[in-house]
């Protein structure tokens, strides 16, 4: 009887904690933000002090990104710049904050 109750308590705790852990694992919000920063605009690639660690993938991205030269004003539209960025990224191979896939059309979720 005690064992069954302990298992139920454990499973209830796991089910309550799991959504919080998944939400902080780098999933893009419905408003196209991650960690409170919008995922569109002017982007600078840096080696130190990035806002996000980004991994480029071919399948199952968190965000589809379209490179643009002007008007990076919608979700997933990034204009790469050297100065005055909206946010900074660093490309990594492991443990990313965000997985992206480059696309020519339909950027976003």
PDB file of N, CA and C in Angstrom:
ATOM      1  N   UNK A   1       0.818  -1.191   0.000  1.00  0.00           N
ATOM      2  CA  UNK A   1       0.000   0.000   0.000  1.00  0.00           C
ATOM      3  C   UNK A   1       0.869   1.266   0.000  1.00  0.00           C
ATOM      4  N   UNK A   2       1.880   1.289   0.879  1.00  0.00           N
ATOM      5  CA  UNK A   2       2.761   2.449   0.951  1.00  0.00           C
ATOM      6  C   UNK A   2       3.529   2.622  -0.350  1.00  0.00           C
ATOM      7  N   UNK A   3       3.978   1.516  -0.934  1.00  0.00           N
ATOM      8  CA  UNK A   3       4.744   1.568  -2.184  1.00  0.00           C
ATOM      9  C   UNK A   3       3.901   2.172  -3.303  1.00  0.00           C
ATOM     10  N   UNK A   4       2.662   1.742  -3.405  1.00  0.00           N
ATOM     11  CA  UNK A   4       1.768   2.249  -4.441  1.00  0.00           C
ATOM     12  C   UNK A   4       1.544   3.754  -4.281  1.00  0.00           C
ATOM     13  N   UNK A   5       1.379   4.212  -3.053  1.00  0.00           N
ATOM     14  CA  UNK A   5       1.182   5.638  -2.794  1.00  0.00           C
ATOM     15  C   UNK A   5       2.457   6.430  -3.115  1.00  0.00           C
ATOM     16  N   UNK A   6       3.608   5.871  -2.811  1.00  0.00           N
ATOM     17  CA  UNK A   6       4.878   6.539  -3.111  1.00  0.00           C
ATOM     18  C   UNK A   6       5.076   6.675  -4.619  1.00  0.00           C
ATOM     19  N   UNK A   7       4.726   5.637  -5.369  1.00  0.00           N
ATOM     20  CA  UNK A   7       4.852   5.681  -6.828  1.00  0.00           C
ATOM     21  C   UNK A   7       3.925   6.744  -7.399  1.00  0.00           C
ATOM     22  N   UNK A   8       2.704   6.810  -6.903  1.00  0.00           N
ATOM     23  CA  UNK A   8       1.756   7.826  -7.375  1.00  0.00           C
ATOM     24  C   UNK A   8       2.268   9.237  -7.092  1.00  0.00           C
ATOM     25  N   UNK A   9       2.811   9.443  -5.910  1.00  0.00           N
ATOM     26  CA  UNK A   9       3.350  10.764  -5.562  1.00  0.00           C
ATOM     27  C   UNK A   9       4.518  11.129  -6.467  1.00  0.00           C
ATOM     28  N   UNK A  10       5.381  10.160  -6.729  1.00  0.00           N
ATOM     29  CA  UNK A  10       6.526  10.399  -7.605  1.00  0.00           C
ATOM     30  C   UNK A  10       6.069  10.758  -9.014  1.00  0.00           C
ATOM     31  N   UNK A  11       5.133   9.991  -9.563  1.00  0.00           N
ATOM     32  CA  UNK A  11       4.646  10.260 -10.913  1.00  0.00           C
ATOM     33  C   UNK A  11       3.936  11.608 -10.998  1.00  0.00           C
ATOM     34  N   UNK A  12       3.194  11.959  -9.971  1.00  0.00           N
ATOM     35  CA  UNK A  12       2.529  13.263  -9.962  1.00  0.00           C
ATOM     36  C   UNK A  12       3.567  14.385  -9.959  1.00  0.00           C
ATOM     37  N   UNK A  13       4.627  14.215  -9.194  1.00  0.00           N
ATOM     38  CA  UNK A  13       5.697  15.217  -9.176  1.00  0.00           C
ATOM     39  C   UNK A  13       6.386  15.341 -10.516  1.00  0.00           C
ATOM     40  N   UNK A  14       6.638  14.209 -11.167  1.00  0.00           N
ATOM     41  CA  UNK A  14       7.277  14.226 -12.485  1.00  0.00           C
ATOM     42  C   UNK A  14       6.385  14.924 -13.496  1.00  0.00           C
ATOM     43  N   UNK A  15       5.101  14.644 -13.464  1.00  0.00           N
ATOM     44  CA  UNK A  15       4.177  15.264 -14.408  1.00  0.00           C
ATOM     45  C   UNK A  15       4.048  16.769 -14.176  1.00  0.00           C
ATOM     46  N   UNK A  16       4.171  17.209 -12.948  1.00  0.00           N
ATOM     47  CA  UNK A  16       4.093  18.640 -12.667  1.00  0.00           C
ATOM     48  C   UNK A  16       5.376  19.371 -13.042  1.00  0.00           C
ATOM     49  N   UNK A  17       6.521  18.729 -12.885  1.00  0.00           N
ATOM     50  CA  UNK A  17       7.805  19.367 -13.161  1.00  0.00           C
ATOM     51  C   UNK A  17       8.153  19.299 -14.641  1.00  0.00           C
ATOM     52  N   UNK A  18       7.756  18.263 -15.345  1.00  0.00           N
ATOM     53  CA  UNK A  18       8.135  18.071 -16.750  1.00  0.00           C
ATOM     54  C   UNK A  18       7.765  19.242 -17.651  1.00  0.00           C
ATOM     55  N   UNK A  19       6.557  19.790 -17.590  1.00  0.00           N
ATOM     56  CA  UNK A  19       6.251  20.928 -18.463  1.00  0.00           C
ATOM     57  C   UNK A  19       7.148  22.138 -18.202  1.00  0.00           C
ATOM     58  N   UNK A  20       7.509  22.378 -16.957  1.00  0.00           N
ATOM     59  CA  UNK A  20       8.386  23.509 -16.654  1.00  0.00           C
ATOM     60  C   UNK A  20       9.774  23.293 -17.235  1.00  0.00           C
ATOM     61  N   UNK A  21      10.276  22.075 -17.156  1.00  0.00           N
ATOM     62  CA  UNK A  21      11.589  21.769 -17.716  1.00  0.00           C
ATOM     63  C   UNK A  21      11.549  21.881 -19.229  1.00  0.00           C
ATOM     64  N   UNK A  22      10.513  21.372 -19.867  1.00  0.00           N
ATOM     65  CA  UNK A  22      10.396  21.449 -21.324  1.00  0.00           C
ATOM     66  C   UNK A  22      10.258  22.891 -21.791  1.00  0.00           C
ATOM     67  N   UNK A  23       9.541  23.695 -21.048  1.00  0.00           N
ATOM     68  CA  UNK A  23       9.345  25.086 -21.455  1.00  0.00           C
ATOM     69  C   UNK A  23      10.645  25.869 -21.409  1.00  0.00           C
ATOM     70  N   UNK A  24      11.553  25.493 -20.526  1.00  0.00           N
ATOM     71  CA  UNK A  24      12.812  26.216 -20.435  1.00  0.00           C
ATOM     72  C   UNK A  24      13.900  25.587 -21.289  1.00  0.00           C
ATOM     73  N   UNK A  25      13.564  24.578 -22.081  1.00  0.00           N
ATOM     74  CA  UNK A  25      14.565  23.868 -22.872  1.00  0.00           C
ATOM     75  C   UNK A  25      14.831  24.528 -24.207  1.00  0.00           C
ATOM     76  N   UNK A  26      14.261  25.688 -24.480  1.00  0.00           N
ATOM     77  CA  UNK A  26      14.582  26.401 -25.703  1.00  0.00           C
ATOM     78  C   UNK A  26      13.474  26.399 -26.730  1.00  0.00           C
ATOM     79  N   UNK A  27      12.267  26.094 -26.326  1.00  0.00           N
ATOM     80  CA  UNK A  27      11.176  26.109 -27.284  1.00  0.00           C
ATOM     81  C   UNK A  27      10.714  27.545 -27.508  1.00  0.00           C
ATOM     82  N   UNK A  28      10.450  27.849 -28.750  1.00  0.00           N
ATOM     83  CA  UNK A  28      10.036  29.193 -29.139  1.00  0.00           C
ATOM     84  C   UNK A  28       8.598  29.412 -28.700  1.00  0.00           C
ATOM     85  N   UNK A  29       8.342  30.545 -28.065  1.00  0.00           N
ATOM     86  CA  UNK A  29       7.003  30.869 -27.607  1.00  0.00           C
ATOM     87  C   UNK A  29       6.078  31.216 -28.753  1.00  0.00           C
ATOM     88  N   UNK A  30       4.793  31.250 -28.477  1.00  0.00           N
ATOM     89  CA  UNK A  30       3.799  31.577 -29.503  1.00  0.00           C
ATOM     90  C   UNK A  30       3.988  32.992 -30.043  1.00  0.00           C
ATOM     91  N   UNK A  31       4.593  33.864 -29.233  1.00  0.00           N
ATOM     92  CA  UNK A  31       4.851  35.237 -29.682  1.00  0.00           C
ATOM     93  C   UNK A  31       6.233  35.384 -30.313  1.00  0.00           C
ATOM     94  N   UNK A  32       6.854  34.275 -30.690  1.00  0.00           N
ATOM     95  CA  UNK A  32       8.154  34.240 -31.368  1.00  0.00           C
ATOM     96  C   UNK A  32       9.258  34.826 -30.494  1.00  0.00           C
ATOM     97  N   UNK A  33       9.264  34.417 -29.230  1.00  0.00           N
ATOM     98  CA  UNK A  33      10.316  34.861 -28.323  1.00  0.00           C
ATOM     99  C   UNK A  33      10.983  33.662 -27.667  1.00  0.00           C
ATOM    100  N   UNK A  34      12.196  33.894 -27.221  1.00  0.00           N
ATOM    101  CA  UNK A  34      12.943  32.912 -26.445  1.00  0.00           C
ATOM    102  C   UNK A  34      13.703  33.696 -25.385  1.00  0.00           C
ATOM    103  N   UNK A  35      13.516  33.323 -24.142  1.00  0.00           N
ATOM    104  CA  UNK A  35      14.146  34.030 -23.019  1.00  0.00           C
ATOM    105  C   UNK A  35      13.821  35.523 -23.040  1.00  0.00           C
ATOM    106  N   UNK A  36      12.615  35.850 -23.469  1.00  0.00           N
ATOM    107  CA  UNK A  36      12.173  37.234 -23.466  1.00  0.00           C
ATOM    108  C   UNK A  36      12.646  38.085 -24.634  1.00  0.00           C
ATOM    109  N   UNK A  37      13.367  37.499 -25.574  1.00  0.00           N
ATOM    110  CA  UNK A  37      13.863  38.257 -26.737  1.00  0.00           C
ATOM    111  C   UNK A  37      13.149  37.792 -27.990  1.00  0.00           C
ATOM    112  N   UNK A  38      12.763  38.746 -28.828  1.00  0.00           N
ATOM    113  CA  UNK A  38      12.100  38.429 -30.096  1.00  0.00           C
ATOM    114  C   UNK A  38      13.093  37.759 -31.039  1.00  0.00           C
ATOM    115  N   UNK A  39      12.627  36.745 -31.751  1.00  0.00           N
ATOM    116  CA  UNK A  39      13.494  35.984 -32.654  1.00  0.00           C
ATOM    117  C   UNK A  39      13.370  36.471 -34.089  1.00  0.00           C
ATOM    118  N   UNK A  40      13.434  37.764 -34.257  1.00  0.00           N
ATOM    119  CA  UNK A  40      13.497  38.378 -35.581  1.00  0.00           C
ATOM    120  C   UNK A  40      14.229  39.694 -35.426  1.00  0.00           C
ATOM    121  N   UNK A  41      14.774  40.166 -36.521  1.00  0.00           N
ATOM    122  CA  UNK A  41      15.484  41.437 -36.465  1.00  0.00           C
ATOM    123  C   UNK A  41      16.924  41.314 -36.881  1.00  0.00           C
ATOM    124  N   UNK A  42      17.733  42.241 -36.362  1.00  0.00           N
ATOM    125  CA  UNK A  42      19.144  42.319 -36.713  1.00  0.00           C
ATOM    126  C   UNK A  42      19.933  41.380 -35.803  1.00  0.00           C
ATOM    127  N   UNK A  43      20.739  40.489 -36.412  1.00  0.00           N
ATOM    128  CA  UNK A  43      21.448  39.443 -35.682  1.00  0.00           C
ATOM    129  C   UNK A  43      22.947  39.580 -35.918  1.00  0.00           C
ATOM    130  N   UNK A  44      23.706  39.481 -34.835  1.00  0.00           N
ATOM    131  CA  UNK A  44      25.163  39.508 -34.939  1.00  0.00           C
ATOM    132  C   UNK A  44      25.704  38.165 -34.467  1.00  0.00           C
ATOM    133  N   UNK A  45      26.628  37.591 -35.238  1.00  0.00           N
ATOM    134  CA  UNK A  45      27.273  36.335 -34.862  1.00  0.00           C
ATOM    135  C   UNK A  45      28.525  36.685 -34.064  1.00  0.00           C
ATOM    136  N   UNK A  46      28.634  36.127 -32.857  1.00  0.00           N
ATOM    137  CA  UNK A  46      29.759  36.421 -31.969  1.00  0.00           C
ATOM    138  C   UNK A  46      30.365  35.121 -31.451  1.00  0.00           C
ATOM    139  N   UNK A  47      31.561  35.237 -30.857  1.00  0.00           N
ATOM    140  CA  UNK A  47      32.213  34.089 -30.227  1.00  0.00           C
ATOM    141  C   UNK A  47      32.033  34.086 -28.712  1.00  0.00           C
ATOM    142  N   UNK A  48      31.832  35.268 -28.131  1.00  0.00           N
ATOM    143  CA  UNK A  48      31.679  35.369 -26.681  1.00  0.00           C
ATOM    144  C   UNK A  48      30.429  36.175 -26.339  1.00  0.00           C
ATOM    145  N   UNK A  49      29.851  35.850 -25.211  1.00  0.00           N
ATOM    146  CA  UNK A  49      28.667  36.526 -24.679  1.00  0.00           C
ATOM    147  C   UNK A  49      27.485  36.566 -25.652  1.00  0.00           C
ATOM    148  N   UNK A  50      27.085  35.410 -26.195  1.00  0.00           N
ATOM    149  CA  UNK A  50      25.899  35.413 -27.063  1.00  0.00           C
ATOM    150  C   UNK A  50      24.624  35.447 -26.219  1.00  0.00           C
ATOM    151  N   UNK A  51      23.553  35.911 -26.830  1.00  0.00           N
ATOM    152  CA  UNK A  51      22.245  35.799 -26.189  1.00  0.00           C
ATOM    153  C   UNK A  51      21.720  34.372 -26.317  1.00  0.00           C
ATOM    154  N   UNK A  52      22.026  33.731 -27.464  1.00  0.00           N
ATOM    155  CA  UNK A  52      21.581  32.359 -27.721  1.00  0.00           C
ATOM    156  C   UNK A  52      22.694  31.552 -28.363  1.00  0.00           C
ATOM    157  N   UNK A  53      22.767  30.280 -27.981  1.00  0.00           N
ATOM    158  CA  UNK A  53      23.621  29.325 -28.683  1.00  0.00           C
ATOM    159  C   UNK A  53      22.727  28.634 -29.708  1.00  0.00           C
ATOM    160  N   UNK A  54      23.129  28.672 -30.979  1.00  0.00           N
ATOM    161  CA  UNK A  54      22.272  28.225 -32.077  1.00  0.00           C
ATOM    162  C   UNK A  54      22.926  27.073 -32.823  1.00  0.00           C
ATOM    163  N   UNK A  55      22.132  26.049 -33.108  1.00  0.00           N
ATOM    164  CA  UNK A  55      22.579  24.918 -33.918  1.00  0.00           C
ATOM    165  C   UNK A  55      21.756  24.899 -35.202  1.00  0.00           C
ATOM    166  N   UNK A  56      22.439  24.789 -36.339  1.00  0.00           N
ATOM    167  CA  UNK A  56      21.752  24.700 -37.629  1.00  0.00           C
ATOM    168  C   UNK A  56      21.475  23.230 -37.904  1.00  0.00           C
ATOM    169  N   UNK A  57      20.208  22.896 -38.178  1.00  0.00           N
ATOM    170  CA  UNK A  57      19.798  21.515 -38.439  1.00  0.00           C
ATOM    171  C   UNK A  57      19.043  21.445 -39.760  1.00  0.00           C
ATOM    172  N   UNK A  58      18.878  20.232 -40.261  1.00  0.00           N
ATOM    173  CA  UNK A  58      18.130  20.018 -41.500  1.00  0.00           C
ATOM    174  C   UNK A  58      16.713  19.522 -41.250  1.00  0.00           C
ATOM    175  N   UNK A  59      16.439  19.078 -40.041  1.00  0.00           N
ATOM    176  CA  UNK A  59      15.105  18.555 -39.728  1.00  0.00           C
ATOM    177  C   UNK A  59      14.754  18.885 -38.275  1.00  0.00           C
ATOM    178  N   UNK A  60      13.486  19.029 -38.014  1.00  0.00           N
ATOM    179  CA  UNK A  60      12.932  19.279 -36.686  1.00  0.00           C
ATOM    180  C   UNK A  60      13.532  20.512 -36.001  1.00  0.00           C
ATOM    181  N   UNK A  61      13.480  21.673 -36.655  1.00  0.00           N
ATOM    182  CA  UNK A  61      14.004  22.890 -36.022  1.00  0.00           C
ATOM    183  C   UNK A  61      13.007  23.469 -35.023  1.00  0.00           C
ATOM    184  N   UNK A  62      13.518  24.276 -34.116  1.00  0.00           N
ATOM    185  CA  UNK A  62      12.648  25.067 -33.245  1.00  0.00           C
ATOM    186  C   UNK A  62      12.118  26.281 -34.003  1.00  0.00           C
ATOM    187  N   UNK A  63      12.919  26.755 -34.985  1.00  0.00           N
ATOM    188  CA  UNK A  63      12.553  27.945 -35.743  1.00  0.00           C
ATOM    189  C   UNK A  63      13.113  27.841 -37.153  1.00  0.00           C
ATOM    190  N   UNK A  64      12.277  28.177 -38.141  1.00  0.00           N
ATOM    191  CA  UNK A  64      12.748  28.262 -39.533  1.00  0.00           C
ATOM    192  C   UNK A  64      13.166  29.703 -39.786  1.00  0.00           C
ATOM    193  N   UNK A  65      14.385  29.894 -40.284  1.00  0.00           N
ATOM    194  CA  UNK A  65      14.965  31.229 -40.429  1.00  0.00           C
ATOM    195  C   UNK A  65      15.171  31.563 -41.897  1.00  0.00           C
ATOM    196  N   UNK A  66      14.735  32.757 -42.272  1.00  0.00           N
ATOM    197  CA  UNK A  66      14.961  33.281 -43.616  1.00  0.00           C
ATOM    198  C   UNK A  66      15.935  34.451 -43.496  1.00  0.00           C
ATOM    199  N   UNK A  67      17.043  34.378 -44.228  1.00  0.00           N
ATOM    200  CA  UNK A  67      18.004  35.487 -44.247  1.00  0.00           C
ATOM    201  C   UNK A  67      17.453  36.584 -45.157  1.00  0.00           C
ATOM    202  N   UNK A  68      17.422  37.807 -44.660  1.00  0.00           N
ATOM    203  CA  UNK A  68      16.920  38.930 -45.451  1.00  0.00           C
ATOM    204  C   UNK A  68      17.920  40.082 -45.388  1.00  0.00           C
ATOM    205  N   UNK A  69      17.843  40.972 -46.376  1.00  0.00           N
ATOM    206  CA  UNK A  69      18.690  42.162 -46.399  1.00  0.00           C
ATOM    207  C   UNK A  69      17.976  43.387 -45.842  1.00  0.00           C
ATOM    208  N   UNK A  70      16.649  43.370 -45.919  1.00  0.00           N
ATOM    209  CA  UNK A  70      15.854  44.491 -45.403  1.00  0.00           C
ATOM    210  C   UNK A  70      14.585  43.956 -44.737  1.00  0.00           C
ATOM    211  N   UNK A  71      14.018  44.749 -43.874  1.00  0.00           N
ATOM    212  CA  UNK A  71      12.743  44.458 -43.201  1.00  0.00           C
ATOM    213  C   UNK A  71      12.718  43.110 -42.464  1.00  0.00           C
ATOM    214  N   UNK A  72      13.590  42.929 -41.479  1.00  0.00           N
ATOM    215  CA  UNK A  72      13.509  41.721 -40.653  1.00  0.00           C
ATOM    216  C   UNK A  72      12.462  41.904 -39.552  1.00  0.00           C
ATOM    217  N   UNK A  73      11.204  42.037 -39.975  1.00  0.00           N
ATOM    218  CA  UNK A  73      10.155  42.468 -39.056  1.00  0.00           C
ATOM    219  C   UNK A  73       9.125  41.401 -38.710  1.00  0.00           C
ATOM    220  N   UNK A  74       9.369  40.160 -39.107  1.00  0.00           N
ATOM    221  CA  UNK A  74       8.438  39.077 -38.779  1.00  0.00           C
ATOM    222  C   UNK A  74       9.206  37.900 -38.207  1.00  0.00           C
ATOM    223  N   UNK A  75       8.501  37.023 -37.562  1.00  0.00           N
ATOM    224  CA  UNK A  75       9.097  35.868 -36.905  1.00  0.00           C
ATOM    225  C   UNK A  75       9.984  35.067 -37.864  1.00  0.00           C
ATOM    226  N   UNK A  76      11.228  34.853 -37.470  1.00  0.00           N
ATOM    227  CA  UNK A  76      12.142  34.034 -38.256  1.00  0.00           C
ATOM    228  C   UNK A  76      12.896  34.773 -39.342  1.00  0.00           C
ATOM    229  N   UNK A  77      12.635  36.045 -39.528  1.00  0.00           N
ATOM    230  CA  UNK A  77      13.369  36.818 -40.544  1.00  0.00           C
ATOM    231  C   UNK A  77      14.567  37.481 -39.867  1.00  0.00           C
ATOM    232  N   UNK A  78      15.775  37.090 -40.297  1.00  0.00           N
ATOM    233  CA  UNK A  78      17.002  37.583 -39.682  1.00  0.00           C
ATOM    234  C   UNK A  78      17.834  38.354 -40.685  1.00  0.00           C
ATOM    235  N   UNK A  79      18.307  39.505 -40.282  1.00  0.00           N
ATOM    236  CA  UNK A  79      19.257  40.293 -41.064  1.00  0.00           C
ATOM    237  C   UNK A  79      20.584  40.250 -40.303  1.00  0.00           C
ATOM    238  N   UNK A  80      21.609  39.648 -40.907  1.00  0.00           N
ATOM    239  CA  UNK A  80      22.903  39.525 -40.245  1.00  0.00           C
ATOM    240  C   UNK A  80      23.678  40.833 -40.381  1.00  0.00           C
ATOM    241  N   UNK A  81      24.154  41.353 -39.250  1.00  0.00           N
ATOM    242  CA  UNK A  81      24.837  42.644 -39.206  1.00  0.00           C
ATOM    243  C   UNK A  81      26.113  42.527 -38.366  1.00  0.00           C
ATOM    244  N   UNK A  82      26.968  43.538 -38.477  1.00  0.00           N
ATOM    245  CA  UNK A  82      28.188  43.604 -37.673  1.00  0.00           C
ATOM    246  C   UNK A  82      28.061  44.566 -36.496  1.00  0.00           C
ATOM    247  N   UNK A  83      27.091  45.467 -36.558  1.00  0.00           N
ATOM    248  CA  UNK A  83      26.919  46.451 -35.488  1.00  0.00           C
ATOM    249  C   UNK A  83      25.440  46.637 -35.156  1.00  0.00           C
ATOM    250  N   UNK A  84      25.195  47.084 -33.948  1.00  0.00           N
ATOM    251  CA  UNK A  84      23.847  47.409 -33.462  1.00  0.00           C
ATOM    252  C   UNK A  84      22.829  46.277 -33.674  1.00  0.00           C
ATOM    253  N   UNK A  85      23.111  45.076 -33.129  1.00  0.00           N
ATOM    254  CA  UNK A  85      22.163  43.968 -33.293  1.00  0.00           C
ATOM    255  C   UNK A  85      21.003  44.066 -32.304  1.00  0.00           C
ATOM    256  N   UNK A  86      19.916  43.388 -32.653  1.00  0.00           N
ATOM    257  CA  UNK A  86      18.816  43.198 -31.705  1.00  0.00           C
ATOM    258  C   UNK A  86      19.154  42.073 -30.733  1.00  0.00           C
ATOM    259  N   UNK A  87      19.870  41.053 -31.229  1.00  0.00           N
ATOM    260  CA  UNK A  87      20.390  39.989 -30.370  1.00  0.00           C
ATOM    261  C   UNK A  87      21.613  39.362 -31.025  1.00  0.00           C
ATOM    262  N   UNK A  88      22.399  38.661 -30.185  1.00  0.00           N
ATOM    263  CA  UNK A  88      23.647  38.050 -30.642  1.00  0.00           C
ATOM    264  C   UNK A  88      23.544  36.537 -30.526  1.00  0.00           C
ATOM    265  N   UNK A  89      24.138  35.829 -31.489  1.00  0.00           N
ATOM    266  CA  UNK A  89      24.115  34.371 -31.469  1.00  0.00           C
ATOM    267  C   UNK A  89      25.527  33.826 -31.621  1.00  0.00           C
ATOM    268  N   UNK A  90      25.683  32.592 -31.189  1.00  0.00           N
ATOM    269  CA  UNK A  90      26.915  31.842 -31.416  1.00  0.00           C
ATOM    270  C   UNK A  90      26.499  30.495 -31.971  1.00  0.00           C
ATOM    271  N   UNK A  91      27.118  30.078 -33.073  1.00  0.00           N
ATOM    272  CA  UNK A  91      26.809  28.783 -33.657  1.00  0.00           C
ATOM    273  C   UNK A  91      27.553  27.696 -32.893  1.00  0.00           C
ATOM    274  N   UNK A  92      26.831  26.633 -32.521  1.00  0.00           N
ATOM    275  CA  UNK A  92      27.405  25.513 -31.775  1.00  0.00           C
ATOM    276  C   UNK A  92      26.963  24.203 -32.412  1.00  0.00           C
ATOM    277  N   UNK A  93      27.671  23.139 -32.056  1.00  0.00           N
ATOM    278  CA  UNK A  93      27.306  21.804 -32.526  1.00  0.00           C
ATOM    279  C   UNK A  93      26.554  21.009 -31.468  1.00  0.00           C
ATOM    280  N   UNK A  94      26.715  21.374 -30.205  1.00  0.00           N
ATOM    281  CA  UNK A  94      26.063  20.643 -29.118  1.00  0.00           C
ATOM    282  C   UNK A  94      25.454  21.616 -28.113  1.00  0.00           C
ATOM    283  N   UNK A  95      24.460  21.150 -27.407  1.00  0.00           N
ATOM    284  CA  UNK A  95      23.783  21.889 -26.344  1.00  0.00           C
ATOM    285  C   UNK A  95      23.312  23.283 -26.772  1.00  0.00           C
ATOM    286  N   UNK A  96      22.490  23.355 -27.822  1.00  0.00           N
ATOM    287  CA  UNK A  96      22.006  24.672 -28.264  1.00  0.00           C
ATOM    288  C   UNK A  96      20.841  25.166 -27.411  1.00  0.00           C
ATOM    289  N   UNK A  97      20.657  26.468 -27.412  1.00  0.00           N
ATOM    290  CA  UNK A  97      19.439  27.060 -26.856  1.00  0.00           C
ATOM    291  C   UNK A  97      18.321  26.994 -27.886  1.00  0.00           C
ATOM    292  N   UNK A  98      18.717  27.005 -29.163  1.00  0.00           N
ATOM    293  CA  UNK A  98      17.763  27.098 -30.262  1.00  0.00           C
ATOM    294  C   UNK A  98      18.295  26.335 -31.468  1.00  0.00           C
ATOM    295  N   UNK A  99      17.429  25.524 -32.076  1.00  0.00           N
ATOM    296  CA  UNK A  99      17.787  24.828 -33.321  1.00  0.00           C
ATOM    297  C   UNK A  99      17.073  25.538 -34.462  1.00  0.00           C
ATOM    298  N   UNK A 100      17.842  25.903 -35.509  1.00  0.00           N
ATOM    299  CA  UNK A 100      17.236  26.605 -36.640  1.00  0.00           C
ATOM    300  C   UNK A 100      17.467  25.836 -37.926  1.00  0.00           C
ATOM    301  N   UNK A 101      16.613  26.103 -38.884  1.00  0.00           N
ATOM    302  CA  UNK A 101      16.759  25.573 -40.239  1.00  0.00           C
ATOM    303  C   UNK A 101      16.603  26.762 -41.180  1.00  0.00           C
ATOM    304  N   UNK A 102      17.563  26.919 -42.091  1.00  0.00           N
ATOM    305  CA  UNK A 102      17.466  28.013 -43.059  1.00  0.00           C
ATOM    306  C   UNK A 102      16.455  27.649 -44.141  1.00  0.00           C
ATOM    307  N   UNK A 103      15.580  28.597 -44.472  1.00  0.00           N
ATOM    308  CA  UNK A 103      14.563  28.401 -45.503  1.00  0.00           C
ATOM    309  C   UNK A 103      14.533  29.626 -46.411  1.00  0.00           C
ATOM    310  N   UNK A 104      13.963  29.448 -47.600  1.00  0.00           N
ATOM    311  CA  UNK A 104      13.787  30.561 -48.532  1.00  0.00           C
ATOM    312  C   UNK A 104      12.398  31.189 -48.421  1.00  0.00           C
ATOM    313  N   UNK A 105      11.437  30.401 -47.970  1.00  0.00           N
ATOM    314  CA  UNK A 105      10.064  30.890 -47.804  1.00  0.00           C
ATOM    315  C   UNK A 105       9.489  30.353 -46.499  1.00  0.00           C
ATOM    316  N   UNK A 106       8.451  30.993 -46.011  1.00  0.00           N
ATOM    317  CA  UNK A 106       7.712  30.581 -44.815  1.00  0.00           C
ATOM    318  C   UNK A 106       8.592  30.450 -43.571  1.00  0.00           C
ATOM    319  N   UNK A 107       9.245  31.533 -43.147  1.00  0.00           N
ATOM    320  CA  UNK A 107      10.001  31.479 -41.899  1.00  0.00           C
ATOM    321  C   UNK A 107       9.061  31.471 -40.702  1.00  0.00           C
ATOM    322  N   UNK A 108       9.569  31.112 -39.562  1.00  0.00           N
ATOM    323  CA  UNK A 108       8.785  31.109 -38.328  1.00  0.00           C
ATOM    324  C   UNK A 108       8.750  29.745 -37.696  1.00  0.00           C
ATOM    325  N   UNK A 109       7.640  29.445 -37.029  1.00  0.00           N
ATOM    326  CA  UNK A 109       7.514  28.183 -36.284  1.00  0.00           C
ATOM    327  C   UNK A 109       7.463  27.011 -37.201  1.00  0.00           C
TER     328      UNK A 109
END
